[in-house]
Amino acid sequence: MDEVRAVVRGKDEVVRTAVTTLVAGGHLLLEDVPGVGKTVLATALARSVDLSVRRIQFTPDLLPSDVTGVSIWDPGERRFTFTPGAVFAGLVVADEINRASPKTQSALLECMAEGHVTVDGTTHALPTPFFVVATQNPADMEGTYPLPEAQRDRFLARVSVGYPAPDEEVAVLLARSGGAAVDPLDAVRPVADAADVRRLVDLAARVHAAPALVRYVVDLAAATREHPSVVLGASPRAALHLLRAARARALLAGRPHALPDDVQALCGPVLSHRLVTVDRGDLLADERAARSALDDVLARTPVRGG
């Protein structure tokens, strides 16, 4: 987190949520307007962990085989050999994911769900850990293919970077206004490797969650399904992801048990992008309505004892 914060200044909670998603074994969706540092955050996170990294620029002409790989005829061997696609990396940065066709989006999201790729009947395992950080712009929808609800549900968390505070923006401008072009990302160094991440994911899964806390997560998910402004509420997968994220957040805080505070802090990032509200025709209005509904659900749902 320290390495990423050195580049993404003034966004501690955003960085914490990103690292929490990694430790929870999920995937992250960065959704915000252009120029606020979505790709910088994804790249800094990639460089801070010593994993193999691939960046895919999603465009309308990107094919599923560009993502997953393809079998190519080898005349010398007189057989087809598999050439891995860009998805074969520990950390995949999927830039502007909604610029590609639904068929190509589905190829990536199937990899996220299954952890492997099947080409011509042969299954190829992806690296472990396998972490996807996808970015998209919710404001400019011309020429895009918005992610369907079922595909958005594959992302454990969605965060918006947001505009920096004035002092932080001044610091960024000063840092990049020298005589020679200096990229702050060059200073980011790897401080963990694949084995470290696998160990953290395993530890997070073993963080204690009391039955009362699990019931609280279920109550929150159920409340979203009954909220008057919500057309489609949180799925059981969403509830599972919220519990996993709460366990990971507790681990990062040095606690062997998750608390309601962990659930409440992550309710927005984990659930908001999964809700479909009455304002679904407008993505920005839909997001605001989803956040408002979650605030209402959190205020009305008690933590049960036991």
C-alpha atoms as a PDB file:
ATOM      1  CA  MET A   1       0.000   0.000   0.000  1.00  0.00           C
ATOM      2  CA  ASP A   2       2.890   2.362   0.755  1.00  0.00           C
ATOM      3  CA  GLU A   3       4.369   1.812  -2.696  1.00  0.00           C
ATOM      4  CA  VAL A   4       1.071   2.579  -4.440  1.00  0.00           C
ATOM      5  CA  ARG A   5       0.323   5.580  -2.210  1.00  0.00           C
ATOM      6  CA  ALA A   6       3.618   7.140  -3.260  1.00  0.00           C
ATOM      7  CA  VAL A   7       2.165   7.451  -6.777  1.00  0.00           C
ATOM      8  CA  VAL A   8      -1.586   7.696  -6.141  1.00  0.00           C
ATOM      9  CA  ARG A   9      -1.492  10.566  -3.664  1.00  0.00           C
ATOM     10  CA  GLY A  10      -4.302  11.404  -1.253  1.00  0.00           C
ATOM     11  CA  LYS A  11      -6.348   8.289  -2.076  1.00  0.00           C
ATOM     12  CA  ASP A  12      -5.613   6.058   0.915  1.00  0.00           C
ATOM     13  CA  GLU A  13      -9.029   4.379   1.040  1.00  0.00           C
ATOM     14  CA  VAL A  14      -8.992   3.699  -2.708  1.00  0.00           C
ATOM     15  CA  VAL A  15      -5.552   2.081  -2.403  1.00  0.00           C
ATOM     16  CA  ARG A  16      -6.660   0.072   0.641  1.00  0.00           C
ATOM     17  CA  THR A  17      -9.697  -1.233  -1.242  1.00  0.00           C
ATOM     18  CA  ALA A  18      -7.540  -2.215  -4.219  1.00  0.00           C
ATOM     19  CA  VAL A  19      -5.109  -4.173  -2.039  1.00  0.00           C
ATOM     20  CA  THR A  20      -8.020  -5.667  -0.078  1.00  0.00           C
ATOM     21  CA  THR A  21      -9.466  -6.967  -3.349  1.00  0.00           C
ATOM     22  CA  LEU A  22      -6.138  -8.589  -4.227  1.00  0.00           C
ATOM     23  CA  VAL A  23      -5.850 -10.239  -0.802  1.00  0.00           C
ATOM     24  CA  ALA A  24      -9.483 -11.398  -0.998  1.00  0.00           C
ATOM     25  CA  GLY A  25      -8.671 -13.250  -4.217  1.00  0.00           C
ATOM     26  CA  GLY A  26     -11.063 -11.153  -6.300  1.00  0.00           C
ATOM     27  CA  HIS A  27     -10.922  -8.778  -9.257  1.00  0.00           C
ATOM     28  CA  LEU A  28     -11.147  -4.990  -9.309  1.00  0.00           C
ATOM     29  CA  LEU A  29     -13.118  -2.606 -11.524  1.00  0.00           C
ATOM     30  CA  LEU A  30     -11.861   1.004 -11.651  1.00  0.00           C
ATOM     31  CA  GLU A  31     -14.661   3.178 -12.974  1.00  0.00           C
ATOM     32  CA  ASP A  32     -14.190   6.929 -13.343  1.00  0.00           C
ATOM     33  CA  VAL A  33     -13.810   9.799 -15.786  1.00  0.00           C
ATOM     34  CA  PRO A  34     -10.606  10.127 -17.859  1.00  0.00           C
ATOM     35  CA  GLY A  35      -7.428  11.561 -16.403  1.00  0.00           C
ATOM     36  CA  VAL A  36      -7.911  10.855 -12.697  1.00  0.00           C
ATOM     37  CA  GLY A  37      -5.335   8.060 -12.470  1.00  0.00           C
ATOM     38  CA  LYS A  38      -7.189   4.780 -13.065  1.00  0.00           C
ATOM     39  CA  THR A  39      -4.419   3.288 -15.193  1.00  0.00           C
ATOM     40  CA  VAL A  40      -1.742   4.767 -12.915  1.00  0.00           C
ATOM     41  CA  LEU A  41      -3.334   3.036  -9.920  1.00  0.00           C
ATOM     42  CA  ALA A  42      -3.569  -0.276 -11.779  1.00  0.00           C
ATOM     43  CA  THR A  43       0.029  -0.026 -13.028  1.00  0.00           C
ATOM     44  CA  ALA A  44       1.418   0.987  -9.629  1.00  0.00           C
ATOM     45  CA  LEU A  45      -0.342  -1.951  -8.015  1.00  0.00           C
ATOM     46  CA  ALA A  46       1.062  -4.253 -10.683  1.00  0.00           C
ATOM     47  CA  ARG A  47       4.624  -3.004 -10.176  1.00  0.00           C
ATOM     48  CA  SER A  48       4.434  -3.250  -6.377  1.00  0.00           C
ATOM     49  CA  VAL A  49       3.833  -7.003  -6.621  1.00  0.00           C
ATOM     50  CA  ASP A  50       6.423  -9.130  -8.399  1.00  0.00           C
ATOM     51  CA  LEU A  51       3.953 -10.894 -10.665  1.00  0.00           C
ATOM     52  CA  SER A  52       3.982 -11.319 -14.412  1.00  0.00           C
ATOM     53  CA  VAL A  53       1.999  -8.367 -15.767  1.00  0.00           C
ATOM     54  CA  ARG A  54       0.184  -7.868 -19.057  1.00  0.00           C
ATOM     55  CA  ARG A  55      -1.770  -4.808 -20.139  1.00  0.00           C
ATOM     56  CA  ILE A  56      -4.573  -5.221 -22.671  1.00  0.00           C
ATOM     57  CA  GLN A  57      -5.922  -2.126 -24.406  1.00  0.00           C
ATOM     58  CA  PHE A  58      -9.524  -3.048 -25.161  1.00  0.00           C
ATOM     59  CA  THR A  59     -10.696  -1.796 -28.563  1.00  0.00           C
ATOM     60  CA  PRO A  60     -13.665  -2.705 -30.794  1.00  0.00           C
ATOM     61  CA  ASP A  61     -11.459  -4.865 -33.045  1.00  0.00           C
ATOM     62  CA  LEU A  62      -9.939  -6.893 -30.184  1.00  0.00           C
ATOM     63  CA  LEU A  63     -10.736 -10.594 -30.659  1.00  0.00           C
ATOM     64  CA  PRO A  64     -11.376 -13.226 -27.969  1.00  0.00           C
ATOM     65  CA  SER A  65      -8.320 -15.134 -29.203  1.00  0.00           C
ATOM     66  CA  ASP A  66      -6.174 -12.032 -28.555  1.00  0.00           C
ATOM     67  CA  VAL A  67      -7.153 -12.419 -24.903  1.00  0.00           C
ATOM     68  CA  THR A  68      -7.193 -16.180 -24.415  1.00  0.00           C
ATOM     69  CA  GLY A  69      -4.759 -17.440 -27.052  1.00  0.00           C
ATOM     70  CA  VAL A  70      -5.013 -19.493 -30.220  1.00  0.00           C
ATOM     71  CA  SER A  71      -3.863 -22.834 -31.653  1.00  0.00           C
ATOM     72  CA  ILE A  72      -1.526 -22.377 -34.626  1.00  0.00           C
ATOM     73  CA  TRP A  73      -0.498 -25.050 -37.099  1.00  0.00           C
ATOM     74  CA  ASP A  74       3.196 -25.898 -36.829  1.00  0.00           C
ATOM     75  CA  PRO A  75       4.363 -27.300 -40.219  1.00  0.00           C
ATOM     76  CA  GLY A  76       7.591 -28.672 -38.751  1.00  0.00           C
ATOM     77  CA  GLU A  77       5.863 -30.570 -35.952  1.00  0.00           C
ATOM     78  CA  ARG A  78       2.816 -31.256 -38.157  1.00  0.00           C
ATOM     79  CA  ARG A  79       0.477 -30.408 -35.323  1.00  0.00           C
ATOM     80  CA  PHE A  80      -1.316 -27.482 -33.722  1.00  0.00           C
ATOM     81  CA  THR A  81       0.516 -25.713 -30.896  1.00  0.00           C
ATOM     82  CA  PHE A  82      -1.115 -23.380 -28.408  1.00  0.00           C
ATOM     83  CA  THR A  83       0.081 -19.770 -28.292  1.00  0.00           C
ATOM     84  CA  PRO A  84      -1.027 -18.158 -24.989  1.00  0.00           C
ATOM     85  CA  GLY A  85      -2.913 -14.884 -25.152  1.00  0.00           C
ATOM     86  CA  ALA A  86      -2.474 -11.751 -23.083  1.00  0.00           C
ATOM     87  CA  VAL A  87      -4.521 -13.141 -20.216  1.00  0.00           C
ATOM     88  CA  PHE A  88      -1.713 -15.518 -19.180  1.00  0.00           C
ATOM     89  CA  ALA A  89      -0.225 -13.325 -16.470  1.00  0.00           C
ATOM     90  CA  GLY A  90      -0.481 -13.003 -12.717  1.00  0.00           C
ATOM     91  CA  LEU A  91      -1.886  -9.481 -12.995  1.00  0.00           C
ATOM     92  CA  VAL A  92      -3.830  -8.354 -16.050  1.00  0.00           C
ATOM     93  CA  VAL A  93      -4.630  -4.669 -16.575  1.00  0.00           C
ATOM     94  CA  ALA A  94      -7.717  -4.522 -18.820  1.00  0.00           C
ATOM     95  CA  ASP A  95      -7.778  -0.905 -19.952  1.00  0.00           C
ATOM     96  CA  GLU A  96     -11.160   0.499 -21.075  1.00  0.00           C
ATOM     97  CA  ILE A  97     -12.825  -2.892 -20.915  1.00  0.00           C
ATOM     98  CA  ASN A  98     -16.139  -1.543 -22.214  1.00  0.00           C
ATOM     99  CA  ARG A  99     -14.548  -0.563 -25.561  1.00  0.00           C
ATOM    100  CA  ALA A 100     -14.410  -4.207 -26.691  1.00  0.00           C
ATOM    101  CA  SER A 101     -17.299  -6.263 -28.033  1.00  0.00           C
ATOM    102  CA  PRO A 102     -19.392  -8.387 -25.648  1.00  0.00           C
ATOM    103  CA  LYS A 103     -17.827 -11.533 -27.112  1.00  0.00           C
ATOM    104  CA  THR A 104     -14.329 -10.355 -26.179  1.00  0.00           C
ATOM    105  CA  GLN A 105     -15.488  -9.121 -22.769  1.00  0.00           C
ATOM    106  CA  SER A 106     -16.967 -12.562 -22.120  1.00  0.00           C
ATOM    107  CA  ALA A 107     -13.669 -14.266 -22.979  1.00  0.00           C
ATOM    108  CA  LEU A 108     -11.908 -12.318 -20.225  1.00  0.00           C
ATOM    109  CA  LEU A 109     -14.675 -12.649 -17.680  1.00  0.00           C
ATOM    110  CA  GLU A 110     -14.861 -16.417 -18.199  1.00  0.00           C
ATOM    111  CA  CYS A 111     -11.168 -16.563 -17.325  1.00  0.00           C
ATOM    112  CA  MET A 112     -11.876 -14.520 -14.194  1.00  0.00           C
ATOM    113  CA  ALA A 113     -14.589 -16.913 -13.077  1.00  0.00           C
ATOM    114  CA  GLU A 114     -12.945 -20.225 -13.974  1.00  0.00           C
ATOM    115  CA  GLY A 115      -9.226 -19.557 -13.550  1.00  0.00           C
ATOM    116  CA  HIS A 116      -8.421 -21.353 -16.798  1.00  0.00           C
ATOM    117  CA  VAL A 117      -8.794 -21.102 -20.562  1.00  0.00           C
ATOM    118  CA  THR A 118     -10.192 -23.781 -22.867  1.00  0.00           C
ATOM    119  CA  VAL A 119      -9.133 -23.604 -26.521  1.00  0.00           C
ATOM    120  CA  ASP A 120      -9.973 -26.339 -29.054  1.00  0.00           C
ATOM    121  CA  GLY A 121     -11.066 -28.653 -26.257  1.00  0.00           C
ATOM    122  CA  THR A 122      -7.851 -28.315 -24.249  1.00  0.00           C
ATOM    123  CA  THR A 123      -7.871 -26.596 -20.862  1.00  0.00           C
ATOM    124  CA  HIS A 124      -4.932 -24.374 -19.908  1.00  0.00           C
ATOM    125  CA  ALA A 125      -4.572 -23.237 -16.291  1.00  0.00           C
ATOM    126  CA  LEU A 126      -3.935 -19.565 -15.578  1.00  0.00           C
ATOM    127  CA  PRO A 127      -1.228 -18.452 -13.113  1.00  0.00           C
ATOM    128  CA  THR A 128      -1.966 -18.350  -9.403  1.00  0.00           C
ATOM    129  CA  PRO A 129      -2.667 -15.751  -8.194  1.00  0.00           C
ATOM    130  CA  PHE A 130      -4.652 -14.355 -11.119  1.00  0.00           C
ATOM    131  CA  PHE A 131      -5.803 -10.772 -10.589  1.00  0.00           C
ATOM    132  CA  VAL A 132      -7.647  -8.593 -13.115  1.00  0.00           C
ATOM    133  CA  VAL A 133      -7.773  -4.812 -12.756  1.00  0.00           C
ATOM    134  CA  ALA A 134     -10.180  -3.403 -15.343  1.00  0.00           C
ATOM    135  CA  THR A 135     -10.817   0.271 -16.066  1.00  0.00           C
ATOM    136  CA  GLN A 136     -13.722   1.992 -17.756  1.00  0.00           C
ATOM    137  CA  ASN A 137     -15.175   5.460 -18.198  1.00  0.00           C
ATOM    138  CA  PRO A 138     -18.852   5.679 -17.145  1.00  0.00           C
ATOM    139  CA  ALA A 139     -19.427   9.105 -18.712  1.00  0.00           C
ATOM    140  CA  ASP A 140     -18.392   8.598 -22.353  1.00  0.00           C
ATOM    141  CA  MET A 141     -20.606   5.794 -23.628  1.00  0.00           C
ATOM    142  CA  GLU A 142     -20.349   6.489 -27.372  1.00  0.00           C
ATOM    143  CA  GLY A 143     -18.901   3.479 -29.157  1.00  0.00           C
ATOM    144  CA  THR A 144     -18.835   1.323 -26.029  1.00  0.00           C
ATOM    145  CA  TYR A 145     -20.407  -1.959 -24.957  1.00  0.00           C
ATOM    146  CA  PRO A 146     -21.451  -1.532 -21.303  1.00  0.00           C
ATOM    147  CA  LEU A 147     -20.808  -4.548 -19.093  1.00  0.00           C
ATOM    148  CA  PRO A 148     -24.025  -6.497 -18.452  1.00  0.00           C
ATOM    149  CA  GLU A 149     -25.081  -6.966 -14.837  1.00  0.00           C
ATOM    150  CA  ALA A 150     -24.003 -10.629 -14.819  1.00  0.00           C
ATOM    151  CA  GLN A 151     -20.493  -9.651 -15.920  1.00  0.00           C
ATOM    152  CA  ARG A 152     -20.188  -6.733 -13.487  1.00  0.00           C
ATOM    153  CA  ASP A 153     -21.058  -9.252 -10.776  1.00  0.00           C
ATOM    154  CA  ARG A 154     -17.739 -11.016 -11.486  1.00  0.00           C
ATOM    155  CA  PHE A 155     -15.793  -8.093 -10.029  1.00  0.00           C
ATOM    156  CA  LEU A 156     -15.392  -8.305  -6.269  1.00  0.00           C
ATOM    157  CA  ALA A 157     -15.120  -4.520  -5.909  1.00  0.00           C
ATOM    158  CA  ARG A 158     -15.619  -1.339  -7.916  1.00  0.00           C
ATOM    159  CA  VAL A 159     -13.952   1.907  -6.899  1.00  0.00           C
ATOM    160  CA  SER A 160     -13.825   5.422  -8.298  1.00  0.00           C
ATOM    161  CA  VAL A 161     -10.506   7.223  -7.939  1.00  0.00           C
ATOM    162  CA  GLY A 162     -12.076  10.700  -7.932  1.00  0.00           C
ATOM    163  CA  TYR A 163     -10.423  14.080  -8.371  1.00  0.00           C
ATOM    164  CA  PRO A 164      -7.462  14.855  -6.094  1.00  0.00           C
ATOM    165  CA  ALA A 165      -7.551  17.465  -3.357  1.00  0.00           C
ATOM    166  CA  PRO A 166      -6.078  20.825  -4.468  1.00  0.00           C
ATOM    167  CA  ASP A 167      -2.856  20.398  -2.466  1.00  0.00           C
ATOM    168  CA  GLU A 168      -2.319  16.911  -3.865  1.00  0.00           C
ATOM    169  CA  GLU A 169      -2.986  18.127  -7.410  1.00  0.00           C
ATOM    170  CA  VAL A 170      -0.407  20.904  -6.945  1.00  0.00           C
ATOM    171  CA  ALA A 171       2.134  18.317  -5.750  1.00  0.00           C
ATOM    172  CA  VAL A 172       1.438  16.136  -8.803  1.00  0.00           C
ATOM    173  CA  LEU A 173       1.882  19.058 -11.192  1.00  0.00           C
ATOM    174  CA  LEU A 174       5.117  20.162  -9.536  1.00  0.00           C
ATOM    175  CA  ALA A 175       6.490  16.611  -9.600  1.00  0.00           C
ATOM    176  CA  ARG A 176       5.921  16.409 -13.358  1.00  0.00           C
ATOM    177  CA  SER A 177       6.957  19.920 -14.354  1.00  0.00           C
ATOM    178  CA  GLY A 178      10.737  19.529 -14.270  1.00  0.00           C
ATOM    179  CA  GLY A 179      13.050  19.936 -17.209  1.00  0.00           C
ATOM    180  CA  ALA A 180      13.156  16.215 -17.921  1.00  0.00           C
ATOM    181  CA  ALA A 181      10.079  14.063 -18.032  1.00  0.00           C
ATOM    182  CA  VAL A 182       9.930  12.038 -14.825  1.00  0.00           C
ATOM    183  CA  ASP A 183       7.484   9.178 -14.466  1.00  0.00           C
ATOM    184  CA  PRO A 184       6.700   8.549 -10.765  1.00  0.00           C
ATOM    185  CA  LEU A 185       5.851   4.947 -11.663  1.00  0.00           C
ATOM    186  CA  ASP A 186       9.551   4.325 -12.266  1.00  0.00           C
ATOM    187  CA  ALA A 187      10.125   4.625  -8.504  1.00  0.00           C
ATOM    188  CA  VAL A 188       7.620   1.871  -7.631  1.00  0.00           C
ATOM    189  CA  ARG A 189       9.458  -1.289  -6.614  1.00  0.00           C
ATOM    190  CA  PRO A 190       8.127  -4.808  -6.001  1.00  0.00           C
ATOM    191  CA  VAL A 191       7.718  -5.522  -2.291  1.00  0.00           C
ATOM    192  CA  ALA A 192       5.874  -8.869  -2.556  1.00  0.00           C
ATOM    193  CA  ASP A 193       5.846 -11.846  -4.900  1.00  0.00           C
ATOM    194  CA  ALA A 194       3.377 -14.505  -5.992  1.00  0.00           C
ATOM    195  CA  ALA A 195       4.100 -16.707  -2.965  1.00  0.00           C
ATOM    196  CA  ASP A 196       3.407 -13.769  -0.629  1.00  0.00           C
ATOM    197  CA  VAL A 197       0.083 -13.071  -2.325  1.00  0.00           C
ATOM    198  CA  ARG A 198      -0.958 -16.737  -2.222  1.00  0.00           C
ATOM    199  CA  ARG A 199      -0.096 -16.841   1.486  1.00  0.00           C
ATOM    200  CA  LEU A 200      -2.114 -13.676   2.174  1.00  0.00           C
ATOM    201  CA  VAL A 201      -5.124 -14.997   0.254  1.00  0.00           C
ATOM    202  CA  ASP A 202      -4.970 -18.210   2.283  1.00  0.00           C
ATOM    203  CA  LEU A 203      -4.678 -16.288   5.566  1.00  0.00           C
ATOM    204  CA  ALA A 204      -7.595 -14.017   4.646  1.00  0.00           C
ATOM    205  CA  ALA A 205      -9.812 -17.028   3.986  1.00  0.00           C
ATOM    206  CA  ARG A 206      -9.072 -18.257   7.530  1.00  0.00           C
ATOM    207  CA  VAL A 207      -9.934 -14.982   9.303  1.00  0.00           C
ATOM    208  CA  HIS A 208     -12.756 -15.688  11.732  1.00  0.00           C
ATOM    209  CA  ALA A 209     -16.246 -14.445  10.867  1.00  0.00           C
ATOM    210  CA  ALA A 210     -18.798 -14.963  13.649  1.00  0.00           C
ATOM    211  CA  PRO A 211     -22.224 -16.398  12.703  1.00  0.00           C
ATOM    212  CA  ALA A 212     -23.793 -13.069  13.692  1.00  0.00           C
ATOM    213  CA  LEU A 213     -21.508 -11.253  11.240  1.00  0.00           C
ATOM    214  CA  VAL A 214     -22.373 -13.687   8.447  1.00  0.00           C
ATOM    215  CA  ARG A 215     -26.059 -13.107   9.178  1.00  0.00           C
ATOM    216  CA  TYR A 216     -25.451  -9.345   9.021  1.00  0.00           C
ATOM    217  CA  VAL A 217     -23.970  -9.738   5.518  1.00  0.00           C
ATOM    218  CA  VAL A 218     -26.985 -11.794   4.433  1.00  0.00           C
ATOM    219  CA  ASP A 219     -29.385  -9.247   5.941  1.00  0.00           C
ATOM    220  CA  LEU A 220     -27.697  -6.424   4.020  1.00  0.00           C
ATOM    221  CA  ALA A 221     -27.895  -8.330   0.735  1.00  0.00           C
ATOM    222  CA  ALA A 222     -31.550  -9.208   1.360  1.00  0.00           C
ATOM    223  CA  ALA A 223     -32.379  -5.586   2.197  1.00  0.00           C
ATOM    224  CA  THR A 224     -31.034  -4.419  -1.185  1.00  0.00           C
ATOM    225  CA  ARG A 225     -33.437  -6.814  -2.924  1.00  0.00           C
ATOM    226  CA  GLU A 226     -36.405  -5.244  -1.158  1.00  0.00           C
ATOM    227  CA  HIS A 227     -35.407  -1.580  -1.436  1.00  0.00           C
ATOM    228  CA  PRO A 228     -38.006   0.461  -3.375  1.00  0.00           C
ATOM    229  CA  SER A 229     -35.433   2.150  -5.635  1.00  0.00           C
ATOM    230  CA  VAL A 230     -33.616  -1.093  -6.521  1.00  0.00           C
ATOM    231  CA  VAL A 231     -34.804  -3.247  -9.420  1.00  0.00           C
ATOM    232  CA  LEU A 232     -32.109  -5.923  -9.085  1.00  0.00           C
ATOM    233  CA  GLY A 233     -30.491  -6.417  -5.682  1.00  0.00           C
ATOM    234  CA  ALA A 234     -27.285  -8.052  -4.509  1.00  0.00           C
ATOM    235  CA  SER A 235     -26.801 -11.692  -5.506  1.00  0.00           C
ATOM    236  CA  PRO A 236     -25.613 -14.511  -3.218  1.00  0.00           C
ATOM    237  CA  ARG A 237     -22.236 -14.170  -4.968  1.00  0.00           C
ATOM    238  CA  ALA A 238     -22.212 -10.514  -3.926  1.00  0.00           C
ATOM    239  CA  ALA A 239     -22.814 -11.509  -0.300  1.00  0.00           C
ATOM    240  CA  LEU A 240     -19.989 -14.060  -0.518  1.00  0.00           C
ATOM    241  CA  HIS A 241     -17.657 -11.431  -1.977  1.00  0.00           C
ATOM    242  CA  LEU A 242     -18.585  -8.950   0.771  1.00  0.00           C
ATOM    243  CA  LEU A 243     -17.696 -11.499   3.446  1.00  0.00           C
ATOM    244  CA  ARG A 244     -14.412 -12.378   1.708  1.00  0.00           C
ATOM    245  CA  ALA A 245     -13.517  -8.701   1.420  1.00  0.00           C
ATOM    246  CA  ALA A 246     -14.344  -8.086   5.100  1.00  0.00           C
ATOM    247  CA  ARG A 247     -12.017 -10.935   6.081  1.00  0.00           C
ATOM    248  CA  ALA A 248      -9.229  -9.500   3.907  1.00  0.00           C
ATOM    249  CA  ARG A 249      -9.698  -6.017   5.365  1.00  0.00           C
ATOM    250  CA  ALA A 250      -9.462  -7.462   8.884  1.00  0.00           C
ATOM    251  CA  LEU A 251      -6.226  -9.239   7.951  1.00  0.00           C
ATOM    252  CA  LEU A 252      -4.717  -6.023   6.589  1.00  0.00           C
ATOM    253  CA  ALA A 253      -5.645  -4.353   9.889  1.00  0.00           C
ATOM    254  CA  GLY A 254      -3.816  -7.090  11.806  1.00  0.00           C
ATOM    255  CA  ARG A 255      -6.934  -8.693  13.274  1.00  0.00           C
ATOM    256  CA  PRO A 256      -7.748 -12.436  13.305  1.00  0.00           C
ATOM    257  CA  HIS A 257     -11.488 -11.709  13.153  1.00  0.00           C
ATOM    258  CA  ALA A 258     -13.747  -9.580  10.960  1.00  0.00           C
ATOM    259  CA  LEU A 259     -15.967  -6.853  12.423  1.00  0.00           C
ATOM    260  CA  PRO A 260     -19.176  -5.123  11.299  1.00  0.00           C
ATOM    261  CA  ASP A 261     -16.968  -2.082  10.623  1.00  0.00           C
ATOM    262  CA  ASP A 262     -15.180  -4.083   7.914  1.00  0.00           C
ATOM    263  CA  VAL A 263     -18.475  -5.008   6.277  1.00  0.00           C
ATOM    264  CA  GLN A 264     -19.782  -1.451   6.440  1.00  0.00           C
ATOM    265  CA  ALA A 265     -16.581   0.040   5.000  1.00  0.00           C
ATOM    266  CA  LEU A 266     -16.715  -2.308   2.014  1.00  0.00           C
ATOM    267  CA  CYS A 267     -20.462  -2.357   1.408  1.00  0.00           C
ATOM    268  CA  GLY A 268     -20.248   0.424  -1.204  1.00  0.00           C
ATOM    269  CA  PRO A 269     -17.251  -0.869  -3.201  1.00  0.00           C
ATOM    270  CA  VAL A 270     -18.513  -4.469  -3.189  1.00  0.00           C
ATOM    271  CA  LEU A 271     -22.249  -4.014  -3.719  1.00  0.00           C
ATOM    272  CA  SER A 272     -22.932  -0.720  -5.520  1.00  0.00           C
ATOM    273  CA  HIS A 273     -21.936  -1.856  -9.025  1.00  0.00           C
ATOM    274  CA  ARG A 274     -24.157  -4.941  -8.711  1.00  0.00           C
ATOM    275  CA  LEU A 275     -27.369  -3.053  -8.001  1.00  0.00           C
ATOM    276  CA  VAL A 276     -29.725  -2.034 -10.798  1.00  0.00           C
ATOM    277  CA  THR A 277     -31.921   0.883  -9.794  1.00  0.00           C
ATOM    278  CA  VAL A 278     -34.924   2.622 -11.292  1.00  0.00           C
ATOM    279  CA  ASP A 279     -32.442   5.054 -12.913  1.00  0.00           C
ATOM    280  CA  ARG A 280     -30.717   2.310 -14.921  1.00  0.00           C
ATOM    281  CA  GLY A 281     -31.009   4.268 -18.204  1.00  0.00           C
ATOM    282  CA  ASP A 282     -28.359   6.716 -16.976  1.00  0.00           C
ATOM    283  CA  LEU A 283     -25.185   5.088 -15.609  1.00  0.00           C
ATOM    284  CA  LEU A 284     -24.142   8.039 -13.478  1.00  0.00           C
ATOM    285  CA  ALA A 285     -27.657   8.495 -12.052  1.00  0.00           C
ATOM    286  CA  ASP A 286     -27.870   4.737 -11.516  1.00  0.00           C
ATOM    287  CA  GLU A 287     -24.624   4.792  -9.519  1.00  0.00           C
ATOM    288  CA  ARG A 288     -25.808   7.690  -7.359  1.00  0.00           C
ATOM    289  CA  ALA A 289     -29.102   5.898  -6.720  1.00  0.00           C
ATOM    290  CA  ALA A 290     -27.278   2.679  -5.828  1.00  0.00           C
ATOM    291  CA  ARG A 291     -25.028   4.509  -3.344  1.00  0.00           C
ATOM    292  CA  SER A 292     -28.060   6.230  -1.808  1.00  0.00           C
ATOM    293  CA  ALA A 293     -29.907   2.913  -1.500  1.00  0.00           C
ATOM    294  CA  LEU A 294     -26.889   1.323   0.207  1.00  0.00           C
ATOM    295  CA  ASP A 295     -26.637   4.210   2.666  1.00  0.00           C
ATOM    296  CA  ASP A 296     -30.296   3.662   3.490  1.00  0.00           C
ATOM    297  CA  VAL A 297     -29.824  -0.105   3.827  1.00  0.00           C
ATOM    298  CA  LEU A 298     -26.837   0.347   6.161  1.00  0.00           C
ATOM    299  CA  ALA A 299     -28.779   2.803   8.310  1.00  0.00           C
ATOM    300  CA  ARG A 300     -31.809   0.505   8.598  1.00  0.00           C
ATOM    301  CA  THR A 301     -30.140  -2.906   9.000  1.00  0.00           C
ATOM    302  CA  PRO A 302     -29.123  -3.697  12.584  1.00  0.00           C
ATOM    303  CA  VAL A 303     -26.222  -5.900  13.614  1.00  0.00           C
ATOM    304  CA  ARG A 304     -27.743  -8.898  15.340  1.00  0.00           C
ATOM    305  CA  GLY A 305     -26.193 -10.240  18.509  1.00  0.00           C
ATOM    306  CA  GLY A 306     -25.182 -13.819  19.100  1.00  0.00           C
END
